[in-house]
Amino acid sequence: MKKVFNHIFSLSEGDQLLKTSECCLLTTAGPIAGLLFISSDKLAFCSPTPIVKLSSPTRELLRFHYKVVIPLTKIERANQKENMVKKTSKKNLQMNITDDFEFWFMRFRNLLLL
């Protein structure tokens, strides 16, 4: 996983990959499956398969990987929440960022993060 992380996000000097987990990132378009990486400097998410979107002006299909990088210094609070809707033991992770933005990670396959 370290090679995958370094290829996608590049480790800066002194940055070490600590944990990796499969999960989904909740977006306004719905959940996107991917990998969540926690390093000593940042939290990073990437979808393993490209997302396809239709470009309005050219009508071309665009393919891109959904990526999010959050420096650890920007995280104000992280809360582990249980899925109250389906009453399952699955956990969700809510991240509040210093610029008043919120990220929700859910459906962890191997929650080794908390």
N, C-alpha and C. Protein backbone atom coordinates (compact mmCIF):
# COMPACT_ATOMS: atom_id res chain seq x y z
N MET A 1 0.81 -1.20 0.00
CA MET A 1 0.00 0.00 0.00
C MET A 1 0.85 1.26 0.00
N LYS A 2 2.05 1.16 0.56
CA LYS A 2 2.93 2.33 0.59
C LYS A 2 3.28 2.80 -0.81
N LYS A 3 3.51 1.84 -1.73
CA LYS A 3 3.82 2.19 -3.12
C LYS A 3 2.63 2.87 -3.79
N VAL A 4 1.43 2.35 -3.55
CA VAL A 4 0.22 2.94 -4.12
C VAL A 4 0.05 4.36 -3.61
N PHE A 5 0.17 4.53 -2.28
CA PHE A 5 0.03 5.86 -1.68
C PHE A 5 1.07 6.83 -2.23
N ASN A 6 2.30 6.39 -2.30
CA ASN A 6 3.38 7.26 -2.79
C ASN A 6 3.16 7.62 -4.26
N HIS A 7 2.67 6.68 -5.07
CA HIS A 7 2.42 6.94 -6.49
C HIS A 7 1.29 7.97 -6.67
N ILE A 8 0.24 7.85 -5.88
CA ILE A 8 -0.93 8.73 -6.04
C ILE A 8 -0.72 10.09 -5.37
N PHE A 9 -0.19 10.09 -4.15
CA PHE A 9 -0.13 11.31 -3.37
C PHE A 9 1.29 11.82 -3.09
N SER A 10 2.28 11.02 -3.27
CA SER A 10 3.69 11.32 -3.00
C SER A 10 3.94 11.71 -1.54
N LEU A 11 4.79 10.94 -0.93
CA LEU A 11 5.18 11.18 0.45
C LEU A 11 6.22 12.29 0.48
N SER A 12 6.01 13.26 1.35
CA SER A 12 7.03 14.28 1.54
C SER A 12 8.06 13.76 2.53
N GLU A 13 9.17 14.42 2.61
CA GLU A 13 10.24 13.95 3.50
C GLU A 13 9.73 13.94 4.95
N GLY A 14 9.93 12.83 5.61
CA GLY A 14 9.48 12.67 6.99
C GLY A 14 8.07 12.14 7.12
N ASP A 15 7.30 12.16 6.03
CA ASP A 15 5.92 11.65 6.04
C ASP A 15 5.96 10.12 5.96
N GLN A 16 5.22 9.45 6.84
CA GLN A 16 5.18 7.99 6.84
C GLN A 16 3.74 7.51 6.79
N LEU A 17 3.48 6.53 5.95
CA LEU A 17 2.15 5.93 5.88
C LEU A 17 1.92 5.11 7.14
N LEU A 18 0.80 5.38 7.84
CA LEU A 18 0.51 4.70 9.10
C LEU A 18 -0.57 3.63 8.97
N LYS A 19 -1.68 3.95 8.31
CA LYS A 19 -2.82 3.03 8.18
C LYS A 19 -3.47 3.21 6.83
N THR A 20 -4.13 2.14 6.37
CA THR A 20 -4.92 2.16 5.14
C THR A 20 -6.20 1.39 5.39
N SER A 21 -7.31 1.87 4.83
CA SER A 21 -8.58 1.18 5.00
C SER A 21 -9.45 1.39 3.77
N GLU A 22 -10.19 0.36 3.39
CA GLU A 22 -11.20 0.51 2.33
C GLU A 22 -12.44 1.11 2.97
N CYS A 23 -13.01 2.10 2.29
CA CYS A 23 -14.23 2.74 2.80
C CYS A 23 -14.89 3.51 1.66
N CYS A 24 -15.92 4.26 2.01
CA CYS A 24 -16.59 5.14 1.06
C CYS A 24 -16.52 6.56 1.59
N LEU A 25 -16.40 7.51 0.68
CA LEU A 25 -16.48 8.93 1.02
C LEU A 25 -17.85 9.40 0.57
N LEU A 26 -18.60 10.00 1.48
CA LEU A 26 -19.92 10.50 1.15
C LEU A 26 -19.79 11.84 0.44
N THR A 27 -20.36 11.95 -0.75
CA THR A 27 -20.35 13.19 -1.53
C THR A 27 -21.78 13.59 -1.82
N THR A 28 -21.97 14.76 -2.40
CA THR A 28 -23.32 15.20 -2.76
C THR A 28 -23.93 14.31 -3.84
N ALA A 29 -23.08 13.60 -4.59
CA ALA A 29 -23.56 12.68 -5.62
C ALA A 29 -23.77 11.26 -5.07
N GLY A 30 -23.47 11.06 -3.79
CA GLY A 30 -23.60 9.74 -3.18
C GLY A 30 -22.24 9.23 -2.74
N PRO A 31 -22.20 8.03 -2.14
CA PRO A 31 -20.93 7.50 -1.65
C PRO A 31 -20.02 7.04 -2.80
N ILE A 32 -18.72 7.29 -2.63
CA ILE A 32 -17.72 6.86 -3.60
C ILE A 32 -16.78 5.91 -2.87
N ALA A 33 -16.64 4.69 -3.39
CA ALA A 33 -15.76 3.69 -2.79
C ALA A 33 -14.31 4.03 -3.08
N GLY A 34 -13.44 3.71 -2.13
CA GLY A 34 -12.02 3.96 -2.34
C GLY A 34 -11.17 3.53 -1.17
N LEU A 35 -9.97 4.05 -1.14
CA LEU A 35 -9.01 3.76 -0.08
C LEU A 35 -8.74 5.02 0.71
N LEU A 36 -8.75 4.88 2.04
CA LEU A 36 -8.40 5.97 2.93
C LEU A 36 -7.01 5.69 3.49
N PHE A 37 -6.10 6.64 3.30
CA PHE A 37 -4.73 6.52 3.78
C PHE A 37 -4.53 7.53 4.90
N ILE A 38 -3.90 7.10 5.98
CA ILE A 38 -3.51 8.03 7.04
C ILE A 38 -1.99 7.97 7.14
N SER A 39 -1.39 9.14 6.98
CA SER A 39 0.06 9.23 7.12
C SER A 39 0.36 10.15 8.30
N SER A 40 1.61 10.33 8.57
CA SER A 40 1.98 11.19 9.69
C SER A 40 1.71 12.67 9.39
N ASP A 41 1.45 13.02 8.12
CA ASP A 41 1.18 14.41 7.74
C ASP A 41 -0.23 14.67 7.21
N LYS A 42 -0.87 13.64 6.66
CA LYS A 42 -2.15 13.90 5.99
C LYS A 42 -3.08 12.70 6.01
N LEU A 43 -4.32 12.98 5.74
CA LEU A 43 -5.35 11.97 5.51
C LEU A 43 -5.70 12.10 4.04
N ALA A 44 -5.67 11.00 3.28
CA ALA A 44 -5.88 11.06 1.84
C ALA A 44 -6.84 9.95 1.40
N PHE A 45 -7.71 10.28 0.47
CA PHE A 45 -8.69 9.33 -0.07
C PHE A 45 -8.57 9.33 -1.58
N CYS A 46 -8.71 8.14 -2.18
CA CYS A 46 -8.69 8.03 -3.64
C CYS A 46 -9.59 6.90 -4.08
N SER A 47 -10.39 7.16 -5.11
CA SER A 47 -11.21 6.09 -5.69
C SER A 47 -10.32 5.24 -6.58
N PRO A 48 -10.40 3.89 -6.48
CA PRO A 48 -9.53 3.04 -7.29
C PRO A 48 -9.93 3.00 -8.77
N THR A 49 -11.19 3.21 -9.03
CA THR A 49 -11.65 3.22 -10.43
C THR A 49 -12.04 4.64 -10.82
N PRO A 50 -11.79 5.02 -12.05
CA PRO A 50 -12.12 6.38 -12.47
C PRO A 50 -13.62 6.64 -12.46
N ILE A 51 -13.95 7.87 -12.19
CA ILE A 51 -15.33 8.35 -12.27
C ILE A 51 -15.50 8.94 -13.66
N VAL A 52 -16.62 8.68 -14.29
CA VAL A 52 -16.87 9.17 -15.65
C VAL A 52 -17.89 10.30 -15.57
N LYS A 53 -17.57 11.41 -16.22
CA LYS A 53 -18.46 12.57 -16.24
C LYS A 53 -18.52 13.11 -17.65
N LEU A 54 -19.69 13.55 -18.06
CA LEU A 54 -19.87 14.14 -19.39
C LEU A 54 -19.53 15.62 -19.33
N SER A 55 -18.61 16.06 -20.18
CA SER A 55 -18.22 17.46 -20.25
C SER A 55 -19.30 18.22 -21.01
N SER A 56 -19.78 19.32 -20.44
CA SER A 56 -20.87 20.08 -21.07
C SER A 56 -20.49 20.72 -22.40
N PRO A 57 -19.43 21.50 -22.47
CA PRO A 57 -19.16 22.18 -23.76
C PRO A 57 -18.74 21.24 -24.88
N THR A 58 -17.92 20.24 -24.58
CA THR A 58 -17.39 19.38 -25.65
C THR A 58 -18.16 18.07 -25.80
N ARG A 59 -18.99 17.76 -24.83
CA ARG A 59 -19.78 16.51 -24.82
C ARG A 59 -18.86 15.28 -24.79
N GLU A 60 -17.62 15.44 -24.31
CA GLU A 60 -16.68 14.34 -24.15
C GLU A 60 -16.89 13.68 -22.80
N LEU A 61 -16.57 12.39 -22.75
CA LEU A 61 -16.57 11.70 -21.47
C LEU A 61 -15.22 11.92 -20.80
N LEU A 62 -15.25 12.44 -19.57
CA LEU A 62 -14.03 12.67 -18.81
C LEU A 62 -13.90 11.58 -17.76
N ARG A 63 -12.70 11.05 -17.61
CA ARG A 63 -12.44 10.03 -16.60
C ARG A 63 -11.39 10.57 -15.63
N PHE A 64 -11.70 10.48 -14.34
CA PHE A 64 -10.75 10.94 -13.34
C PHE A 64 -10.96 10.17 -12.04
N HIS A 65 -9.90 10.08 -11.27
CA HIS A 65 -9.98 9.47 -9.95
C HIS A 65 -10.38 10.55 -8.95
N TYR A 66 -11.31 10.22 -8.08
CA TYR A 66 -11.74 11.16 -7.05
C TYR A 66 -10.70 11.15 -5.94
N LYS A 67 -10.08 12.29 -5.66
CA LYS A 67 -9.03 12.37 -4.65
C LYS A 67 -9.35 13.49 -3.66
N VAL A 68 -9.02 13.22 -2.41
CA VAL A 68 -9.13 14.22 -1.35
C VAL A 68 -7.86 14.11 -0.50
N VAL A 69 -7.24 15.24 -0.22
CA VAL A 69 -6.08 15.28 0.67
C VAL A 69 -6.35 16.32 1.75
N ILE A 70 -6.26 15.88 3.00
CA ILE A 70 -6.51 16.76 4.14
C ILE A 70 -5.26 16.75 5.03
N PRO A 71 -4.55 17.87 5.11
CA PRO A 71 -3.43 17.92 6.05
C PRO A 71 -3.95 17.72 7.48
N LEU A 72 -3.25 16.96 8.28
CA LEU A 72 -3.70 16.69 9.65
C LEU A 72 -3.84 17.97 10.46
N THR A 73 -3.07 18.98 10.12
CA THR A 73 -3.16 20.25 10.85
C THR A 73 -4.48 20.97 10.61
N LYS A 74 -5.21 20.59 9.54
CA LYS A 74 -6.51 21.22 9.23
C LYS A 74 -7.69 20.52 9.90
N ILE A 75 -7.45 19.35 10.49
CA ILE A 75 -8.56 18.61 11.12
C ILE A 75 -8.81 19.16 12.51
N GLU A 76 -10.02 19.69 12.70
CA GLU A 76 -10.41 20.21 14.01
C GLU A 76 -10.91 19.10 14.92
N ARG A 77 -11.71 18.21 14.33
CA ARG A 77 -12.35 17.17 15.14
C ARG A 77 -12.65 15.96 14.27
N ALA A 78 -12.52 14.79 14.86
CA ALA A 78 -12.90 13.54 14.20
C ALA A 78 -13.81 12.78 15.16
N ASN A 79 -14.98 12.39 14.67
CA ASN A 79 -15.95 11.66 15.49
C ASN A 79 -16.30 10.34 14.84
N GLN A 80 -16.32 9.30 15.63
CA GLN A 80 -16.78 8.00 15.15
C GLN A 80 -18.26 7.91 15.47
N LYS A 81 -19.07 7.63 14.47
CA LYS A 81 -20.52 7.57 14.64
C LYS A 81 -21.01 6.19 14.21
N GLU A 82 -22.00 5.67 14.93
CA GLU A 82 -22.62 4.41 14.52
C GLU A 82 -23.71 4.71 13.52
N ASN A 83 -23.96 3.75 12.64
CA ASN A 83 -25.02 3.89 11.65
C ASN A 83 -26.36 3.68 12.36
N MET A 84 -27.02 4.78 12.70
CA MET A 84 -28.28 4.71 13.45
C MET A 84 -29.47 4.37 12.56
N VAL A 85 -29.35 4.63 11.26
CA VAL A 85 -30.47 4.37 10.35
C VAL A 85 -30.70 2.88 10.19
N LYS A 86 -29.62 2.14 9.91
CA LYS A 86 -29.76 0.71 9.66
C LYS A 86 -29.50 -0.14 10.90
N LYS A 87 -29.15 0.50 12.01
CA LYS A 87 -28.90 -0.20 13.28
C LYS A 87 -27.86 -1.31 13.13
N THR A 88 -26.81 -1.05 12.38
CA THR A 88 -25.74 -2.03 12.21
C THR A 88 -24.56 -1.62 13.07
N SER A 89 -23.58 -2.48 13.16
CA SER A 89 -22.39 -2.16 13.94
C SER A 89 -21.36 -1.40 13.11
N LYS A 90 -21.70 -1.09 11.87
CA LYS A 90 -20.75 -0.37 11.02
C LYS A 90 -20.58 1.05 11.53
N LYS A 91 -19.36 1.52 11.46
CA LYS A 91 -19.02 2.84 11.96
C LYS A 91 -18.81 3.82 10.82
N ASN A 92 -19.11 5.07 11.09
CA ASN A 92 -18.84 6.17 10.17
C ASN A 92 -17.86 7.10 10.86
N LEU A 93 -17.06 7.78 10.08
CA LEU A 93 -16.08 8.71 10.60
C LEU A 93 -16.39 10.09 10.05
N GLN A 94 -16.66 11.02 10.94
CA GLN A 94 -16.95 12.40 10.57
C GLN A 94 -15.72 13.25 10.86
N MET A 95 -15.27 14.01 9.85
CA MET A 95 -14.10 14.89 10.01
C MET A 95 -14.55 16.33 9.81
N ASN A 96 -14.27 17.17 10.79
CA ASN A 96 -14.52 18.60 10.66
C ASN A 96 -13.18 19.28 10.40
N ILE A 97 -13.16 20.11 9.37
CA ILE A 97 -11.93 20.77 8.92
C ILE A 97 -11.97 22.25 9.32
N THR A 98 -10.82 22.86 9.47
CA THR A 98 -10.74 24.24 9.96
C THR A 98 -11.46 25.25 9.07
N ASP A 99 -11.69 24.96 7.80
CA ASP A 99 -12.38 25.92 6.93
C ASP A 99 -13.89 25.65 6.87
N ASP A 100 -14.44 25.11 7.96
CA ASP A 100 -15.88 24.84 8.10
C ASP A 100 -16.40 23.84 7.07
N PHE A 101 -15.57 22.90 6.69
CA PHE A 101 -16.00 21.85 5.78
C PHE A 101 -16.03 20.54 6.55
N GLU A 102 -16.88 19.63 6.09
CA GLU A 102 -17.06 18.36 6.78
C GLU A 102 -16.92 17.21 5.79
N PHE A 103 -16.24 16.16 6.20
CA PHE A 103 -16.10 14.94 5.39
C PHE A 103 -16.70 13.78 6.18
N TRP A 104 -17.40 12.90 5.47
CA TRP A 104 -17.94 11.67 6.08
C TRP A 104 -17.36 10.47 5.35
N PHE A 105 -16.69 9.61 6.10
CA PHE A 105 -16.17 8.34 5.59
C PHE A 105 -17.01 7.24 6.22
N MET A 106 -17.40 6.26 5.42
CA MET A 106 -18.33 5.24 5.91
C MET A 106 -18.04 3.88 5.27
N ARG A 107 -18.73 2.87 5.76
CA ARG A 107 -18.63 1.50 5.23
C ARG A 107 -17.20 0.96 5.26
N PHE A 108 -16.52 1.14 6.37
CA PHE A 108 -15.15 0.65 6.50
C PHE A 108 -15.13 -0.86 6.43
N ARG A 109 -14.20 -1.40 5.66
CA ARG A 109 -14.02 -2.85 5.58
C ARG A 109 -13.13 -3.34 6.71
N ASN A 110 -12.11 -2.57 7.01
CA ASN A 110 -11.15 -2.94 8.04
C ASN A 110 -10.80 -1.69 8.83
N LEU A 111 -11.66 -1.35 9.76
CA LEU A 111 -11.49 -0.12 10.52
C LEU A 111 -10.37 -0.28 11.54
N LEU A 112 -9.18 0.02 11.10
CA LEU A 112 -8.01 -0.04 11.97
C LEU A 112 -7.58 1.36 12.36
N LEU A 113 -8.43 2.32 12.09
CA LEU A 113 -8.03 3.71 12.22
C LEU A 113 -8.18 4.26 13.63
N LEU A 114 -9.18 3.83 14.35
CA LEU A 114 -9.48 4.47 15.63
C LEU A 114 -9.15 3.58 16.79
